[in-house]
Amino acid sequence: MSKEKKPGWKDLPRGGLILDAGNAHEYQTGGWRIKRPEWIEENCIHCLFCWVYCPDSSIETQEGKMTGINYEHCKGCGICAEVCPAKKTAIEMESEGRKEDSDE
Protein backbone atom coordinates (compact mmCIF):
# COMPACT_ATOMS: atom_id res chain seq x y z
CA MET A 1 0.00 0.00 0.00
CA SER A 2 1.53 3.27 -1.16
CA LYS A 3 1.06 6.39 0.93
CA GLU A 4 0.81 9.39 -1.35
CA LYS A 5 1.20 12.79 0.22
CA LYS A 6 -2.05 14.72 -0.13
CA PRO A 7 -1.76 18.42 -0.93
CA GLY A 8 -2.15 20.68 2.07
CA TRP A 9 -3.03 24.31 2.56
CA LYS A 10 0.54 25.35 1.86
CA ASP A 11 0.22 23.90 -1.64
CA LEU A 12 -2.61 26.28 -2.60
CA PRO A 13 -1.70 29.27 -4.76
CA ARG A 14 -1.56 32.60 -2.96
CA GLY A 15 -5.06 34.06 -2.88
CA GLY A 16 -6.67 30.61 -2.85
CA LEU A 17 -8.56 29.10 -5.74
CA ILE A 18 -8.58 31.33 -8.80
CA LEU A 19 -11.78 31.58 -10.83
CA ASP A 20 -12.22 33.27 -14.15
CA ALA A 21 -13.91 36.65 -13.93
CA GLY A 22 -17.41 36.97 -15.34
CA ASN A 23 -18.51 33.39 -14.71
CA ALA A 24 -21.62 34.11 -12.58
CA HIS A 25 -23.93 33.25 -15.49
CA GLU A 26 -22.69 29.64 -15.28
CA TYR A 27 -24.06 29.10 -11.76
CA GLN A 28 -27.69 29.03 -10.67
CA THR A 29 -27.56 30.28 -7.10
CA GLY A 30 -31.19 31.31 -6.72
CA GLY A 31 -31.88 28.49 -4.28
CA TRP A 32 -29.60 30.13 -1.70
CA ARG A 33 -31.95 33.07 -1.13
CA ILE A 34 -33.94 33.87 1.99
CA LYS A 35 -34.74 37.36 0.70
CA ARG A 36 -35.35 38.46 -2.86
CA PRO A 37 -35.11 41.83 -4.54
CA GLU A 38 -38.40 43.12 -5.87
CA TRP A 39 -38.12 45.67 -8.66
CA ILE A 40 -40.56 48.60 -8.51
CA GLU A 41 -40.53 49.70 -12.14
CA GLU A 42 -42.30 53.04 -11.64
CA ASN A 43 -39.56 54.15 -9.19
CA CYS A 44 -36.66 53.08 -11.42
CA ILE A 45 -34.52 55.85 -12.93
CA HIS A 46 -32.54 53.32 -15.04
CA CYS A 47 -29.16 54.41 -13.67
CA LEU A 48 -28.05 50.76 -13.86
CA PHE A 49 -26.11 50.94 -10.57
CA CYS A 50 -27.81 47.64 -9.68
CA TRP A 51 -26.47 46.08 -12.88
CA VAL A 52 -22.93 47.37 -12.26
CA TYR A 53 -22.76 46.15 -8.65
CA CYS A 54 -24.65 42.83 -8.94
CA PRO A 55 -22.09 40.04 -8.32
CA ASP A 56 -24.34 37.44 -9.94
CA SER A 57 -25.26 39.03 -13.29
CA SER A 58 -28.90 38.89 -12.18
CA ILE A 59 -30.03 42.30 -13.39
CA GLU A 60 -31.59 42.08 -16.84
CA THR A 61 -31.29 45.04 -19.17
CA GLN A 62 -32.25 45.97 -22.68
CA GLU A 63 -31.29 49.11 -24.60
CA GLY A 64 -29.75 50.74 -21.53
CA LYS A 65 -32.71 50.18 -19.22
CA MET A 66 -33.42 47.68 -16.48
CA THR A 67 -36.06 45.15 -17.47
CA GLY A 68 -36.11 42.79 -14.50
CA ILE A 69 -34.23 40.37 -12.27
CA ASN A 70 -33.12 36.85 -13.15
CA TYR A 71 -34.02 34.90 -10.00
CA GLU A 72 -32.21 31.74 -11.14
CA HIS A 73 -28.91 33.53 -10.53
CA CYS A 74 -29.85 35.99 -7.75
CA LYS A 75 -28.74 34.78 -4.33
CA GLY A 76 -30.45 37.63 -2.47
CA CYS A 77 -27.38 39.54 -1.27
CA GLY A 78 -29.24 42.87 -1.39
CA ILE A 79 -26.43 44.89 -2.98
CA CYS A 80 -28.79 46.06 -5.73
CA ALA A 81 -31.21 47.51 -3.17
CA GLU A 82 -28.39 49.15 -1.22
CA VAL A 83 -26.90 50.97 -4.22
CA CYS A 84 -30.20 52.20 -5.68
CA PRO A 85 -30.04 56.04 -5.67
CA ALA A 86 -33.67 56.68 -6.60
CA LYS A 87 -35.57 58.93 -4.16
CA LYS A 88 -38.17 56.19 -3.81
CA THR A 89 -36.09 53.03 -4.02
CA ALA A 90 -36.70 50.92 -7.09
CA ILE A 91 -35.55 47.69 -5.43
CA GLU A 92 -36.79 46.42 -2.08
CA MET A 93 -35.71 43.24 -0.35
CA GLU A 94 -38.61 41.00 0.68
CA SER A 95 -38.80 37.62 2.35
CA GLU A 96 -38.56 34.87 -0.23
CA GLY A 97 -41.98 33.42 0.58
CA ARG A 98 -43.84 36.76 0.54
CA LYS A 99 -44.48 37.04 -3.20
CA GLU A 100 -46.78 34.57 -4.88
CA ASP A 101 -44.41 32.54 -7.04
CA SER A 102 -47.05 30.08 -8.15
CA ASP A 103 -50.60 30.13 -9.49
CA GLU A 104 -52.17 28.16 -6.63
C-alpha atoms as a PDB file:
ATOM      1  CA  MET A   1       0.000   0.000   0.000  1.00  0.00           C
ATOM      2  CA  SER A   2       1.528   3.272  -1.158  1.00  0.00           C
ATOM      3  CA  LYS A   3       1.057   6.386   0.928  1.00  0.00           C
ATOM      4  CA  GLU A   4       0.814   9.393  -1.354  1.00  0.00           C
ATOM      5  CA  LYS A   5       1.198  12.791   0.223  1.00  0.00           C
ATOM      6  CA  LYS A   6      -2.048  14.716  -0.134  1.00  0.00           C
ATOM      7  CA  PRO A   7      -1.764  18.423  -0.930  1.00  0.00           C
ATOM      8  CA  GLY A   8      -2.148  20.681   2.073  1.00  0.00           C
ATOM      9  CA  TRP A   9      -3.030  24.311   2.557  1.00  0.00           C
ATOM     10  CA  LYS A  10       0.540  25.352   1.859  1.00  0.00           C
ATOM     11  CA  ASP A  11       0.217  23.904  -1.644  1.00  0.00           C
ATOM     12  CA  LEU A  12      -2.610  26.281  -2.601  1.00  0.00           C
ATOM     13  CA  PRO A  13      -1.698  29.269  -4.756  1.00  0.00           C
ATOM     14  CA  ARG A  14      -1.563  32.601  -2.957  1.00  0.00           C
ATOM     15  CA  GLY A  15      -5.060  34.058  -2.877  1.00  0.00           C
ATOM     16  CA  GLY A  16      -6.673  30.606  -2.854  1.00  0.00           C
ATOM     17  CA  LEU A  17      -8.564  29.104  -5.740  1.00  0.00           C
ATOM     18  CA  ILE A  18      -8.579  31.334  -8.795  1.00  0.00           C
ATOM     19  CA  LEU A  19     -11.780  31.581 -10.827  1.00  0.00           C
ATOM     20  CA  ASP A  20     -12.218  33.266 -14.154  1.00  0.00           C
ATOM     21  CA  ALA A  21     -13.910  36.649 -13.929  1.00  0.00           C
ATOM     22  CA  GLY A  22     -17.406  36.974 -15.336  1.00  0.00           C
ATOM     23  CA  ASN A  23     -18.513  33.392 -14.711  1.00  0.00           C
ATOM     24  CA  ALA A  24     -21.617  34.107 -12.584  1.00  0.00           C
ATOM     25  CA  HIS A  25     -23.928  33.251 -15.490  1.00  0.00           C
ATOM     26  CA  GLU A  26     -22.687  29.637 -15.281  1.00  0.00           C
ATOM     27  CA  TYR A  27     -24.063  29.095 -11.762  1.00  0.00           C
ATOM     28  CA  GLN A  28     -27.692  29.030 -10.674  1.00  0.00           C
ATOM     29  CA  THR A  29     -27.555  30.278  -7.095  1.00  0.00           C
ATOM     30  CA  GLY A  30     -31.189  31.314  -6.724  1.00  0.00           C
ATOM     31  CA  GLY A  31     -31.876  28.488  -4.280  1.00  0.00           C
ATOM     32  CA  TRP A  32     -29.602  30.131  -1.705  1.00  0.00           C
ATOM     33  CA  ARG A  33     -31.947  33.073  -1.135  1.00  0.00           C
ATOM     34  CA  ILE A  34     -33.935  33.865   1.985  1.00  0.00           C
ATOM     35  CA  LYS A  35     -34.737  37.363   0.696  1.00  0.00           C
ATOM     36  CA  ARG A  36     -35.349  38.456  -2.861  1.00  0.00           C
ATOM     37  CA  PRO A  37     -35.110  41.834  -4.541  1.00  0.00           C
ATOM     38  CA  GLU A  38     -38.401  43.118  -5.866  1.00  0.00           C
ATOM     39  CA  TRP A  39     -38.124  45.672  -8.661  1.00  0.00           C
ATOM     40  CA  ILE A  40     -40.556  48.598  -8.514  1.00  0.00           C
ATOM     41  CA  GLU A  41     -40.532  49.698 -12.136  1.00  0.00           C
ATOM     42  CA  GLU A  42     -42.302  53.039 -11.645  1.00  0.00           C
ATOM     43  CA  ASN A  43     -39.564  54.146  -9.187  1.00  0.00           C
ATOM     44  CA  CYS A  44     -36.665  53.078 -11.423  1.00  0.00           C
ATOM     45  CA  ILE A  45     -34.515  55.846 -12.929  1.00  0.00           C
ATOM     46  CA  HIS A  46     -32.537  53.322 -15.037  1.00  0.00           C
ATOM     47  CA  CYS A  47     -29.163  54.411 -13.670  1.00  0.00           C
ATOM     48  CA  LEU A  48     -28.047  50.758 -13.857  1.00  0.00           C
ATOM     49  CA  PHE A  49     -26.113  50.945 -10.566  1.00  0.00           C
ATOM     50  CA  CYS A  50     -27.809  47.636  -9.680  1.00  0.00           C
ATOM     51  CA  TRP A  51     -26.465  46.077 -12.881  1.00  0.00           C
ATOM     52  CA  VAL A  52     -22.934  47.371 -12.257  1.00  0.00           C
ATOM     53  CA  TYR A  53     -22.758  46.146  -8.653  1.00  0.00           C
ATOM     54  CA  CYS A  54     -24.647  42.833  -8.937  1.00  0.00           C
ATOM     55  CA  PRO A  55     -22.093  40.039  -8.318  1.00  0.00           C
ATOM     56  CA  ASP A  56     -24.344  37.436  -9.941  1.00  0.00           C
ATOM     57  CA  SER A  57     -25.259  39.027 -13.293  1.00  0.00           C
ATOM     58  CA  SER A  58     -28.904  38.887 -12.182  1.00  0.00           C
ATOM     59  CA  ILE A  59     -30.028  42.300 -13.392  1.00  0.00           C
ATOM     60  CA  GLU A  60     -31.592  42.079 -16.836  1.00  0.00           C
ATOM     61  CA  THR A  61     -31.287  45.041 -19.168  1.00  0.00           C
ATOM     62  CA  GLN A  62     -32.249  45.968 -22.681  1.00  0.00           C
ATOM     63  CA  GLU A  63     -31.292  49.107 -24.604  1.00  0.00           C
ATOM     64  CA  GLY A  64     -29.749  50.739 -21.529  1.00  0.00           C
ATOM     65  CA  LYS A  65     -32.714  50.178 -19.224  1.00  0.00           C
ATOM     66  CA  MET A  66     -33.422  47.680 -16.481  1.00  0.00           C
ATOM     67  CA  THR A  67     -36.062  45.152 -17.474  1.00  0.00           C
ATOM     68  CA  GLY A  68     -36.110  42.788 -14.500  1.00  0.00           C
ATOM     69  CA  ILE A  69     -34.230  40.371 -12.266  1.00  0.00           C
ATOM     70  CA  ASN A  70     -33.123  36.848 -13.148  1.00  0.00           C
ATOM     71  CA  TYR A  71     -34.019  34.896 -10.003  1.00  0.00           C
ATOM     72  CA  GLU A  72     -32.212  31.736 -11.139  1.00  0.00           C
ATOM     73  CA  HIS A  73     -28.907  33.529 -10.528  1.00  0.00           C
ATOM     74  CA  CYS A  74     -29.854  35.987  -7.747  1.00  0.00           C
ATOM     75  CA  LYS A  75     -28.741  34.781  -4.328  1.00  0.00           C
ATOM     76  CA  GLY A  76     -30.445  37.630  -2.466  1.00  0.00           C
ATOM     77  CA  CYS A  77     -27.377  39.537  -1.266  1.00  0.00           C
ATOM     78  CA  GLY A  78     -29.239  42.874  -1.387  1.00  0.00           C
ATOM     79  CA  ILE A  79     -26.433  44.886  -2.978  1.00  0.00           C
ATOM     80  CA  CYS A  80     -28.793  46.058  -5.735  1.00  0.00           C
ATOM     81  CA  ALA A  81     -31.209  47.509  -3.174  1.00  0.00           C
ATOM     82  CA  GLU A  82     -28.388  49.153  -1.220  1.00  0.00           C
ATOM     83  CA  VAL A  83     -26.898  50.970  -4.225  1.00  0.00           C
ATOM     84  CA  CYS A  84     -30.199  52.202  -5.682  1.00  0.00           C
ATOM     85  CA  PRO A  85     -30.036  56.039  -5.671  1.00  0.00           C
ATOM     86  CA  ALA A  86     -33.675  56.681  -6.604  1.00  0.00           C
ATOM     87  CA  LYS A  87     -35.573  58.928  -4.161  1.00  0.00           C
ATOM     88  CA  LYS A  88     -38.175  56.192  -3.808  1.00  0.00           C
ATOM     89  CA  THR A  89     -36.087  53.028  -4.020  1.00  0.00           C
ATOM     90  CA  ALA A  90     -36.699  50.922  -7.093  1.00  0.00           C
ATOM     91  CA  ILE A  91     -35.549  47.688  -5.426  1.00  0.00           C
ATOM     92  CA  GLU A  92     -36.791  46.424  -2.077  1.00  0.00           C
ATOM     93  CA  MET A  93     -35.707  43.243  -0.350  1.00  0.00           C
ATOM     94  CA  GLU A  94     -38.606  41.002   0.680  1.00  0.00           C
ATOM     95  CA  SER A  95     -38.802  37.617   2.354  1.00  0.00           C
ATOM     96  CA  GLU A  96     -38.560  34.872  -0.232  1.00  0.00           C
ATOM     97  CA  GLY A  97     -41.977  33.422   0.575  1.00  0.00           C
ATOM     98  CA  ARG A  98     -43.837  36.760   0.543  1.00  0.00           C
ATOM     99  CA  LYS A  99     -44.484  37.045  -3.199  1.00  0.00           C
ATOM    100  CA  GLU A 100     -46.785  34.570  -4.883  1.00  0.00           C
ATOM    101  CA  ASP A 101     -44.409  32.538  -7.043  1.00  0.00           C
ATOM    102  CA  SER A 102     -47.053  30.075  -8.151  1.00  0.00           C
ATOM    103  CA  ASP A 103     -50.597  30.127  -9.486  1.00  0.00           C
ATOM    104  CA  GLU A 104     -52.174  28.159  -6.635  1.00  0.00           C
END
